[in-house]
Amino acid sequence: MFGYVPEGLTVPVVLFLGERSGCKSREPRPDEIDQLVADNTMTLWSQFARTGDPSVDGLVSWPAYVEGDDRYLDIGEELLVKQGIRDAYLAPPGR
């Protein structure tokens, strides 16, 4: 958030597992996709703070929350409005 991308992942499990954790190296570093996601997130937050609406012309039209509506914004390499937020929930491990 706010444009910050850490310089490496120092979570103990990542350091312990290394490549077995899914990382390409023992000391993964951010790439251009990480920076794009951080920049887009900062743009959305700034727009919301400025106007009360996080939608940004030319970037994404983020629909307002409506009770009973199942839409959400998937913030990733692409900003995509999707349906099925209830089905997208994954319980934390051990619960």
PDB file of N, CA and C in Angstrom:
ATOM      1  N   MET A   1       0.835  -1.176   0.000  1.00  0.00           N
ATOM      2  CA  MET A   1       0.000   0.000   0.000  1.00  0.00           C
ATOM      3  C   MET A   1       0.884   1.246   0.000  1.00  0.00           C
ATOM      4  N   PHE A   2       0.380   2.317  -0.522  1.00  0.00           N
ATOM      5  CA  PHE A   2       1.070   3.592  -0.577  1.00  0.00           C
ATOM      6  C   PHE A   2       2.387   3.512  -1.343  1.00  0.00           C
ATOM      7  N   GLY A   3       2.451   2.596  -2.333  1.00  0.00           N
ATOM      8  CA  GLY A   3       3.596   2.526  -3.220  1.00  0.00           C
ATOM      9  C   GLY A   3       4.807   1.797  -2.680  1.00  0.00           C
ATOM     10  N   TYR A   4       4.721   1.257  -1.460  1.00  0.00           N
ATOM     11  CA  TYR A   4       5.879   0.588  -0.870  1.00  0.00           C
ATOM     12  C   TYR A   4       5.935  -0.869  -1.311  1.00  0.00           C
ATOM     13  N   VAL A   5       7.067  -1.260  -1.837  1.00  0.00           N
ATOM     14  CA  VAL A   5       7.313  -2.657  -2.182  1.00  0.00           C
ATOM     15  C   VAL A   5       8.572  -3.069  -1.434  1.00  0.00           C
ATOM     16  N   PRO A   6       8.467  -4.055  -0.524  1.00  0.00           N
ATOM     17  CA  PRO A   6       9.652  -4.463   0.231  1.00  0.00           C
ATOM     18  C   PRO A   6      10.766  -4.957  -0.682  1.00  0.00           C
ATOM     19  N   GLU A   7      11.971  -4.845  -0.223  1.00  0.00           N
ATOM     20  CA  GLU A   7      13.133  -5.247  -1.021  1.00  0.00           C
ATOM     21  C   GLU A   7      13.364  -6.749  -1.033  1.00  0.00           C
ATOM     22  N   GLY A   8      12.703  -7.479  -0.188  1.00  0.00           N
ATOM     23  CA  GLY A   8      12.857  -8.928  -0.166  1.00  0.00           C
ATOM     24  C   GLY A   8      11.877  -9.527   0.808  1.00  0.00           C
ATOM     25  N   LEU A   9      11.683 -10.808   0.717  1.00  0.00           N
ATOM     26  CA  LEU A   9      10.774 -11.488   1.629  1.00  0.00           C
ATOM     27  C   LEU A   9      11.587 -12.137   2.736  1.00  0.00           C
ATOM     28  N   THR A  10      11.379 -11.652   3.936  1.00  0.00           N
ATOM     29  CA  THR A  10      12.151 -12.171   5.065  1.00  0.00           C
ATOM     30  C   THR A  10      11.288 -12.979   6.022  1.00  0.00           C
ATOM     31  N   VAL A  11      10.128 -13.439   5.538  1.00  0.00           N
ATOM     32  CA  VAL A  11       9.271 -14.279   6.360  1.00  0.00           C
ATOM     33  C   VAL A  11      10.037 -15.569   6.648  1.00  0.00           C
ATOM     34  N   PRO A  12      10.114 -15.995   7.910  1.00  0.00           N
ATOM     35  CA  PRO A  12      10.917 -17.173   8.250  1.00  0.00           C
ATOM     36  C   PRO A  12      10.627 -18.408   7.408  1.00  0.00           C
ATOM     37  N   VAL A  13       9.354 -18.675   7.101  1.00  0.00           N
ATOM     38  CA  VAL A  13       9.055 -19.883   6.325  1.00  0.00           C
ATOM     39  C   VAL A  13       9.628 -19.781   4.911  1.00  0.00           C
ATOM     40  N   VAL A  14       9.613 -18.577   4.320  1.00  0.00           N
ATOM     41  CA  VAL A  14      10.192 -18.411   2.981  1.00  0.00           C
ATOM     42  C   VAL A  14      11.698 -18.621   3.036  1.00  0.00           C
ATOM     43  N   LEU A  15      12.331 -18.039   4.034  1.00  0.00           N
ATOM     44  CA  LEU A  15      13.781 -18.212   4.166  1.00  0.00           C
ATOM     45  C   LEU A  15      14.141 -19.672   4.415  1.00  0.00           C
ATOM     46  N   PHE A  16      13.332 -20.363   5.192  1.00  0.00           N
ATOM     47  CA  PHE A  16      13.597 -21.765   5.511  1.00  0.00           C
ATOM     48  C   PHE A  16      13.376 -22.663   4.297  1.00  0.00           C
ATOM     49  N   LEU A  17      12.257 -22.458   3.597  1.00  0.00           N
ATOM     50  CA  LEU A  17      11.907 -23.348   2.493  1.00  0.00           C
ATOM     51  C   LEU A  17      12.592 -22.994   1.184  1.00  0.00           C
ATOM     52  N   GLY A  18      12.949 -21.712   1.022  1.00  0.00           N
ATOM     53  CA  GLY A  18      13.612 -21.310  -0.213  1.00  0.00           C
ATOM     54  C   GLY A  18      12.785 -21.646  -1.431  1.00  0.00           C
ATOM     55  N   GLU A  19      13.378 -22.314  -2.391  1.00  0.00           N
ATOM     56  CA  GLU A  19      12.699 -22.627  -3.636  1.00  0.00           C
ATOM     57  C   GLU A  19      11.517 -23.563  -3.446  1.00  0.00           C
ATOM     58  N   ARG A  20      11.513 -24.380  -2.396  1.00  0.00           N
ATOM     59  CA  ARG A  20      10.383 -25.282  -2.159  1.00  0.00           C
ATOM     60  C   ARG A  20       9.115 -24.519  -1.802  1.00  0.00           C
ATOM     61  N   SER A  21       9.228 -23.244  -1.391  1.00  0.00           N
ATOM     62  CA  SER A  21       8.056 -22.442  -1.027  1.00  0.00           C
ATOM     63  C   SER A  21       7.362 -21.859  -2.248  1.00  0.00           C
ATOM     64  N   GLY A  22       7.909 -22.070  -3.431  1.00  0.00           N
ATOM     65  CA  GLY A  22       7.339 -21.505  -4.648  1.00  0.00           C
ATOM     66  C   GLY A  22       8.110 -20.292  -5.132  1.00  0.00           C
ATOM     67  N   CYS A  23       9.061 -19.839  -4.352  1.00  0.00           N
ATOM     68  CA  CYS A  23       9.885 -18.699  -4.752  1.00  0.00           C
ATOM     69  C   CYS A  23      10.930 -19.179  -5.748  1.00  0.00           C
ATOM     70  N   LYS A  24      11.322 -18.289  -6.640  1.00  0.00           N
ATOM     71  CA  LYS A  24      12.316 -18.642  -7.638  1.00  0.00           C
ATOM     72  C   LYS A  24      13.730 -18.586  -7.093  1.00  0.00           C
ATOM     73  N   SER A  25      13.905 -17.897  -5.982  1.00  0.00           N
ATOM     74  CA  SER A  25      15.227 -17.836  -5.381  1.00  0.00           C
ATOM     75  C   SER A  25      15.090 -17.784  -3.868  1.00  0.00           C
ATOM     76  N   ARG A  26      16.182 -17.979  -3.185  1.00  0.00           N
ATOM     77  CA  ARG A  26      16.161 -17.959  -1.724  1.00  0.00           C
ATOM     78  C   ARG A  26      15.894 -16.545  -1.206  1.00  0.00           C
ATOM     79  N   GLU A  27      16.237 -15.540  -1.978  1.00  0.00           N
ATOM     80  CA  GLU A  27      16.002 -14.150  -1.594  1.00  0.00           C
ATOM     81  C   GLU A  27      15.201 -13.456  -2.690  1.00  0.00           C
ATOM     82  N   PRO A  28      13.872 -13.734  -2.751  1.00  0.00           N
ATOM     83  CA  PRO A  28      13.069 -13.135  -3.820  1.00  0.00           C
ATOM     84  C   PRO A  28      13.036 -11.613  -3.708  1.00  0.00           C
ATOM     85  N   ARG A  29      13.032 -10.978  -4.840  1.00  0.00           N
ATOM     86  CA  ARG A  29      12.993  -9.521  -4.922  1.00  0.00           C
ATOM     87  C   ARG A  29      11.747  -9.101  -5.699  1.00  0.00           C
ATOM     88  N   PRO A  30      11.263  -7.893  -5.461  1.00  0.00           N
ATOM     89  CA  PRO A  30      10.108  -7.424  -6.217  1.00  0.00           C
ATOM     90  C   PRO A  30      10.458  -7.232  -7.689  1.00  0.00           C
ATOM     91  N   ASP A  31       9.438  -7.312  -8.520  1.00  0.00           N
ATOM     92  CA  ASP A  31       9.645  -7.077  -9.950  1.00  0.00           C
ATOM     93  C   ASP A  31       8.692  -5.978 -10.418  1.00  0.00           C
ATOM     94  N   GLU A  32       8.620  -5.778 -11.722  1.00  0.00           N
ATOM     95  CA  GLU A  32       7.803  -4.690 -12.256  1.00  0.00           C
ATOM     96  C   GLU A  32       6.316  -4.900 -11.993  1.00  0.00           C
ATOM     97  N   ILE A  33       5.864  -6.149 -11.902  1.00  0.00           N
ATOM     98  CA  ILE A  33       4.454  -6.418 -11.591  1.00  0.00           C
ATOM     99  C   ILE A  33       4.150  -5.987 -10.156  1.00  0.00           C
ATOM    100  N   ASP A  34       5.058  -6.288  -9.224  1.00  0.00           N
ATOM    101  CA  ASP A  34       4.873  -5.855  -7.839  1.00  0.00           C
ATOM    102  C   ASP A  34       4.751  -4.334  -7.768  1.00  0.00           C
ATOM    103  N   GLN A  35       5.602  -3.628  -8.496  1.00  0.00           N
ATOM    104  CA  GLN A  35       5.562  -2.170  -8.476  1.00  0.00           C
ATOM    105  C   GLN A  35       4.286  -1.645  -9.118  1.00  0.00           C
ATOM    106  N   LEU A  36       3.823  -2.294 -10.199  1.00  0.00           N
ATOM    107  CA  LEU A  36       2.576  -1.900 -10.848  1.00  0.00           C
ATOM    108  C   LEU A  36       1.402  -2.034  -9.883  1.00  0.00           C
ATOM    109  N   VAL A  37       1.321  -3.159  -9.172  1.00  0.00           N
ATOM    110  CA  VAL A  37       0.234  -3.378  -8.210  1.00  0.00           C
ATOM    111  C   VAL A  37       0.300  -2.322  -7.100  1.00  0.00           C
ATOM    112  N   ALA A  38       1.499  -2.039  -6.610  1.00  0.00           N
ATOM    113  CA  ALA A  38       1.659  -1.022  -5.564  1.00  0.00           C
ATOM    114  C   ALA A  38       1.233   0.354  -6.079  1.00  0.00           C
ATOM    115  N   ASP A  39       1.641   0.705  -7.285  1.00  0.00           N
ATOM    116  CA  ASP A  39       1.287   2.007  -7.859  1.00  0.00           C
ATOM    117  C   ASP A  39      -0.223   2.128  -8.073  1.00  0.00           C
ATOM    118  N   ASN A  40      -0.836   1.072  -8.616  1.00  0.00           N
ATOM    119  CA  ASN A  40      -2.285   1.102  -8.838  1.00  0.00           C
ATOM    120  C   ASN A  40      -3.042   1.211  -7.519  1.00  0.00           C
ATOM    121  N   THR A  41      -2.596   0.480  -6.512  1.00  0.00           N
ATOM    122  CA  THR A  41      -3.248   0.533  -5.203  1.00  0.00           C
ATOM    123  C   THR A  41      -3.156   1.942  -4.627  1.00  0.00           C
ATOM    124  N   MET A  42      -1.996   2.561  -4.734  1.00  0.00           N
ATOM    125  CA  MET A  42      -1.824   3.913  -4.235  1.00  0.00           C
ATOM    126  C   MET A  42      -2.719   4.896  -5.003  1.00  0.00           C
ATOM    127  N   THR A  43      -2.845   4.708  -6.301  1.00  0.00           N
ATOM    128  CA  THR A  43      -3.714   5.562  -7.104  1.00  0.00           C
ATOM    129  C   THR A  43      -5.169   5.424  -6.665  1.00  0.00           C
ATOM    130  N   LEU A  44      -5.625   4.189  -6.444  1.00  0.00           N
ATOM    131  CA  LEU A  44      -7.003   3.958  -6.012  1.00  0.00           C
ATOM    132  C   LEU A  44      -7.266   4.578  -4.637  1.00  0.00           C
ATOM    133  N   TRP A  45      -6.349   4.358  -3.695  1.00  0.00           N
ATOM    134  CA  TRP A  45      -6.500   4.928  -2.347  1.00  0.00           C
ATOM    135  C   TRP A  45      -6.510   6.448  -2.402  1.00  0.00           C
ATOM    136  N   SER A  46      -5.639   7.034  -3.186  1.00  0.00           N
ATOM    137  CA  SER A  46      -5.570   8.496  -3.299  1.00  0.00           C
ATOM    138  C   SER A  46      -6.854   9.057  -3.890  1.00  0.00           C
ATOM    139  N   GLN A  47      -7.355   8.406  -4.927  1.00  0.00           N
ATOM    140  CA  GLN A  47      -8.609   8.840  -5.546  1.00  0.00           C
ATOM    141  C   GLN A  47      -9.755   8.751  -4.549  1.00  0.00           C
ATOM    142  N   PHE A  48      -9.798   7.671  -3.777  1.00  0.00           N
ATOM    143  CA  PHE A  48     -10.857   7.508  -2.775  1.00  0.00           C
ATOM    144  C   PHE A  48     -10.764   8.595  -1.705  1.00  0.00           C
ATOM    145  N   ALA A  49      -9.548   8.897  -1.244  1.00  0.00           N
ATOM    146  CA  ALA A  49      -9.365   9.940  -0.230  1.00  0.00           C
ATOM    147  C   ALA A  49      -9.771  11.309  -0.772  1.00  0.00           C
ATOM    148  N   ARG A  50      -9.480  11.546  -2.041  1.00  0.00           N
ATOM    149  CA  ARG A  50      -9.759  12.841  -2.663  1.00  0.00           C
ATOM    150  C   ARG A  50     -11.248  13.030  -2.954  1.00  0.00           C
ATOM    151  N   THR A  51     -11.918  11.956  -3.437  1.00  0.00           N
ATOM    152  CA  THR A  51     -13.276  12.113  -3.962  1.00  0.00           C
ATOM    153  C   THR A  51     -14.338  11.261  -3.275  1.00  0.00           C
ATOM    154  N   GLY A  52     -13.922  10.257  -2.517  1.00  0.00           N
ATOM    155  CA  GLY A  52     -14.887   9.325  -1.937  1.00  0.00           C
ATOM    156  C   GLY A  52     -15.254   8.204  -2.891  1.00  0.00           C
ATOM    157  N   ASP A  53     -14.657   8.194  -4.068  1.00  0.00           N
ATOM    158  CA  ASP A  53     -14.898   7.171  -5.091  1.00  0.00           C
ATOM    159  C   ASP A  53     -13.541   6.694  -5.605  1.00  0.00           C
ATOM    160  N   PRO A  54     -13.216   5.412  -5.422  1.00  0.00           N
ATOM    161  CA  PRO A  54     -11.901   4.926  -5.852  1.00  0.00           C
ATOM    162  C   PRO A  54     -11.771   4.704  -7.354  1.00  0.00           C
ATOM    163  N   SER A  55     -12.851   4.851  -8.112  1.00  0.00           N
ATOM    164  CA  SER A  55     -12.779   4.674  -9.563  1.00  0.00           C
ATOM    165  C   SER A  55     -11.861   5.733 -10.170  1.00  0.00           C
ATOM    166  N   VAL A  56     -11.038   5.303 -11.146  1.00  0.00           N
ATOM    167  CA  VAL A  56     -10.103   6.206 -11.808  1.00  0.00           C
ATOM    168  C   VAL A  56     -10.314   6.064 -13.313  1.00  0.00           C
ATOM    169  N   ASP A  57     -10.665   7.182 -13.963  1.00  0.00           N
ATOM    170  CA  ASP A  57     -10.853   7.159 -15.422  1.00  0.00           C
ATOM    171  C   ASP A  57      -9.614   6.588 -16.100  1.00  0.00           C
ATOM    172  N   GLY A  58      -9.823   5.641 -17.005  1.00  0.00           N
ATOM    173  CA  GLY A  58      -8.729   5.037 -17.743  1.00  0.00           C
ATOM    174  C   GLY A  58      -8.027   3.914 -16.997  1.00  0.00           C
ATOM    175  N   LEU A  59      -8.381   3.708 -15.718  1.00  0.00           N
ATOM    176  CA  LEU A  59      -7.748   2.636 -14.940  1.00  0.00           C
ATOM    177  C   LEU A  59      -8.770   1.567 -14.585  1.00  0.00           C
ATOM    178  N   VAL A  60      -9.814   1.957 -13.836  1.00  0.00           N
ATOM    179  CA  VAL A  60     -10.852   0.997 -13.471  1.00  0.00           C
ATOM    180  C   VAL A  60     -12.064   1.740 -12.921  1.00  0.00           C
ATOM    181  N   SER A  61     -13.226   1.182 -13.165  1.00  0.00           N
ATOM    182  CA  SER A  61     -14.457   1.674 -12.565  1.00  0.00           C
ATOM    183  C   SER A  61     -14.826   0.681 -11.466  1.00  0.00           C
ATOM    184  N   TRP A  62     -14.553   1.068 -10.214  1.00  0.00           N
ATOM    185  CA  TRP A  62     -14.776   0.192  -9.069  1.00  0.00           C
ATOM    186  C   TRP A  62     -16.211   0.408  -8.607  1.00  0.00           C
ATOM    187  N   PRO A  63     -17.075  -0.610  -8.726  1.00  0.00           N
ATOM    188  CA  PRO A  63     -18.476  -0.417  -8.359  1.00  0.00           C
ATOM    189  C   PRO A  63     -18.643  -0.235  -6.848  1.00  0.00           C
ATOM    190  N   ALA A  64     -19.607   0.621  -6.495  1.00  0.00           N
ATOM    191  CA  ALA A  64     -19.915   0.843  -5.080  1.00  0.00           C
ATOM    192  C   ALA A  64     -20.471  -0.433  -4.464  1.00  0.00           C
ATOM    193  N   TYR A  65     -20.245  -0.597  -3.178  1.00  0.00           N
ATOM    194  CA  TYR A  65     -20.772  -1.747  -2.455  1.00  0.00           C
ATOM    195  C   TYR A  65     -22.288  -1.652  -2.384  1.00  0.00           C
ATOM    196  N   VAL A  66     -22.934  -2.755  -2.668  1.00  0.00           N
ATOM    197  CA  VAL A  66     -24.372  -2.864  -2.544  1.00  0.00           C
ATOM    198  C   VAL A  66     -24.649  -4.158  -1.785  1.00  0.00           C
ATOM    199  N   GLU A  67     -25.381  -4.046  -0.682  1.00  0.00           N
ATOM    200  CA  GLU A  67     -25.678  -5.243   0.111  1.00  0.00           C
ATOM    201  C   GLU A  67     -26.367  -6.274  -0.780  1.00  0.00           C
ATOM    202  N   GLY A  68     -25.912  -7.498  -0.712  1.00  0.00           N
ATOM    203  CA  GLY A  68     -26.458  -8.571  -1.521  1.00  0.00           C
ATOM    204  C   GLY A  68     -25.792  -8.712  -2.880  1.00  0.00           C
ATOM    205  N   ASP A  69     -24.976  -7.722  -3.267  1.00  0.00           N
ATOM    206  CA  ASP A  69     -24.254  -7.790  -4.529  1.00  0.00           C
ATOM    207  C   ASP A  69     -22.975  -8.590  -4.285  1.00  0.00           C
ATOM    208  N   ASP A  70     -22.546  -9.312  -5.248  1.00  0.00           N
ATOM    209  CA  ASP A  70     -21.414 -10.224  -5.068  1.00  0.00           C
ATOM    210  C   ASP A  70     -20.179  -9.763  -5.837  1.00  0.00           C
ATOM    211  N   ARG A  71     -20.119  -8.461  -6.200  1.00  0.00           N
ATOM    212  CA  ARG A  71     -18.994  -7.967  -6.992  1.00  0.00           C
ATOM    213  C   ARG A  71     -17.864  -7.475  -6.094  1.00  0.00           C
ATOM    214  N   TYR A  72     -16.655  -7.576  -6.628  1.00  0.00           N
ATOM    215  CA  TYR A  72     -15.474  -7.084  -5.923  1.00  0.00           C
ATOM    216  C   TYR A  72     -14.416  -6.711  -6.948  1.00  0.00           C
ATOM    217  N   LEU A  73     -13.426  -5.952  -6.478  1.00  0.00           N
ATOM    218  CA  LEU A  73     -12.313  -5.596  -7.352  1.00  0.00           C
ATOM    219  C   LEU A  73     -11.136  -6.487  -7.006  1.00  0.00           C
ATOM    220  N   ASP A  74     -10.674  -7.241  -7.987  1.00  0.00           N
ATOM    221  CA  ASP A  74      -9.491  -8.085  -7.842  1.00  0.00           C
ATOM    222  C   ASP A  74      -8.290  -7.221  -8.221  1.00  0.00           C
ATOM    223  N   ILE A  75      -7.496  -6.868  -7.204  1.00  0.00           N
ATOM    224  CA  ILE A  75      -6.336  -6.004  -7.431  1.00  0.00           C
ATOM    225  C   ILE A  75      -5.119  -6.888  -7.646  1.00  0.00           C
ATOM    226  N   GLY A  76      -4.690  -6.972  -8.880  1.00  0.00           N
ATOM    227  CA  GLY A  76      -3.531  -7.768  -9.256  1.00  0.00           C
ATOM    228  C   GLY A  76      -2.839  -7.090 -10.422  1.00  0.00           C
ATOM    229  N   GLU A  77      -2.180  -7.886 -11.245  1.00  0.00           N
ATOM    230  CA  GLU A  77      -1.514  -7.316 -12.415  1.00  0.00           C
ATOM    231  C   GLU A  77      -2.521  -6.537 -13.263  1.00  0.00           C
ATOM    232  N   GLU A  78      -3.738  -7.056 -13.338  1.00  0.00           N
ATOM    233  CA  GLU A  78      -4.846  -6.344 -13.961  1.00  0.00           C
ATOM    234  C   GLU A  78      -5.846  -6.008 -12.862  1.00  0.00           C
ATOM    235  N   LEU A  79      -6.535  -4.890 -13.003  1.00  0.00           N
ATOM    236  CA  LEU A  79      -7.611  -4.538 -12.089  1.00  0.00           C
ATOM    237  C   LEU A  79      -8.901  -5.029 -12.719  1.00  0.00           C
ATOM    238  N   LEU A  80      -9.528  -6.028 -12.102  1.00  0.00           N
ATOM    239  CA  LEU A  80     -10.700  -6.654 -12.692  1.00  0.00           C
ATOM    240  C   LEU A  80     -11.862  -6.668 -11.708  1.00  0.00           C
ATOM    241  N   VAL A  81     -13.027  -6.198 -12.152  1.00  0.00           N
ATOM    242  CA  VAL A  81     -14.242  -6.334 -11.361  1.00  0.00           C
ATOM    243  C   VAL A  81     -14.754  -7.742 -11.614  1.00  0.00           C
ATOM    244  N   LYS A  82     -14.921  -8.491 -10.520  1.00  0.00           N
ATOM    245  CA  LYS A  82     -15.358  -9.880 -10.633  1.00  0.00           C
ATOM    246  C   LYS A  82     -16.606 -10.112  -9.800  1.00  0.00           C
ATOM    247  N   GLN A  83     -17.232 -11.224 -10.020  1.00  0.00           N
ATOM    248  CA  GLN A  83     -18.381 -11.669  -9.229  1.00  0.00           C
ATOM    249  C   GLN A  83     -17.950 -12.900  -8.445  1.00  0.00           C
ATOM    250  N   GLY A  84     -18.534 -13.086  -7.278  1.00  0.00           N
ATOM    251  CA  GLY A  84     -18.282 -14.297  -6.505  1.00  0.00           C
ATOM    252  C   GLY A  84     -17.375 -14.096  -5.308  1.00  0.00           C
ATOM    253  N   ILE A  85     -17.442 -12.926  -4.669  1.00  0.00           N
ATOM    254  CA  ILE A  85     -16.568 -12.681  -3.517  1.00  0.00           C
ATOM    255  C   ILE A  85     -16.805 -13.710  -2.418  1.00  0.00           C
ATOM    256  N   ARG A  86     -18.034 -14.129  -2.253  1.00  0.00           N
ATOM    257  CA  ARG A  86     -18.322 -15.114  -1.199  1.00  0.00           C
ATOM    258  C   ARG A  86     -17.595 -16.435  -1.482  1.00  0.00           C
ATOM    259  N   ASP A  87     -17.500 -16.801  -2.741  1.00  0.00           N
ATOM    260  CA  ASP A  87     -16.815 -18.038  -3.118  1.00  0.00           C
ATOM    261  C   ASP A  87     -15.310 -17.891  -3.143  1.00  0.00           C
ATOM    262  N   ALA A  88     -14.814 -16.654  -3.179  1.00  0.00           N
ATOM    263  CA  ALA A  88     -13.365 -16.410  -3.246  1.00  0.00           C
ATOM    264  C   ALA A  88     -12.708 -16.500  -1.878  1.00  0.00           C
ATOM    265  N   TYR A  89     -13.497 -16.506  -0.797  1.00  0.00           N
ATOM    266  CA  TYR A  89     -12.945 -16.522   0.562  1.00  0.00           C
ATOM    267  C   TYR A  89     -12.251 -17.851   0.844  1.00  0.00           C
ATOM    268  N   LEU A  90     -11.055 -17.774   1.386  1.00  0.00           N
ATOM    269  CA  LEU A  90     -10.331 -18.966   1.832  1.00  0.00           C
ATOM    270  C   LEU A  90     -10.063 -18.811   3.316  1.00  0.00           C
ATOM    271  N   ALA A  91     -10.489 -19.781   4.091  1.00  0.00           N
ATOM    272  CA  ALA A  91     -10.253 -19.733   5.537  1.00  0.00           C
ATOM    273  C   ALA A  91      -8.765 -19.876   5.810  1.00  0.00           C
ATOM    274  N   PRO A  92      -8.273 -19.215   6.847  1.00  0.00           N
ATOM    275  CA  PRO A  92      -6.871 -19.362   7.217  1.00  0.00           C
ATOM    276  C   PRO A  92      -6.558 -20.822   7.564  1.00  0.00           C
ATOM    277  N   PRO A  93      -5.308 -21.248   7.363  1.00  0.00           N
ATOM    278  CA  PRO A  93      -4.938 -22.620   7.710  1.00  0.00           C
ATOM    279  C   PRO A  93      -5.232 -22.920   9.182  1.00  0.00           C
ATOM    280  N   GLY A  94      -5.688 -24.116   9.435  1.00  0.00           N
ATOM    281  CA  GLY A  94      -5.925 -24.541  10.819  1.00  0.00           C
ATOM    282  C   GLY A  94      -7.276 -24.138  11.357  1.00  0.00           C
ATOM    283  N   ARG A  95      -8.159 -23.637  10.506  1.00  0.00           N
ATOM    284  CA  ARG A  95      -9.486 -23.226  10.986  1.00  0.00           C
ATOM    285  C   ARG A  95     -10.566 -23.996  10.292  1.00  0.00           C
TER     286      ARG A  95
END
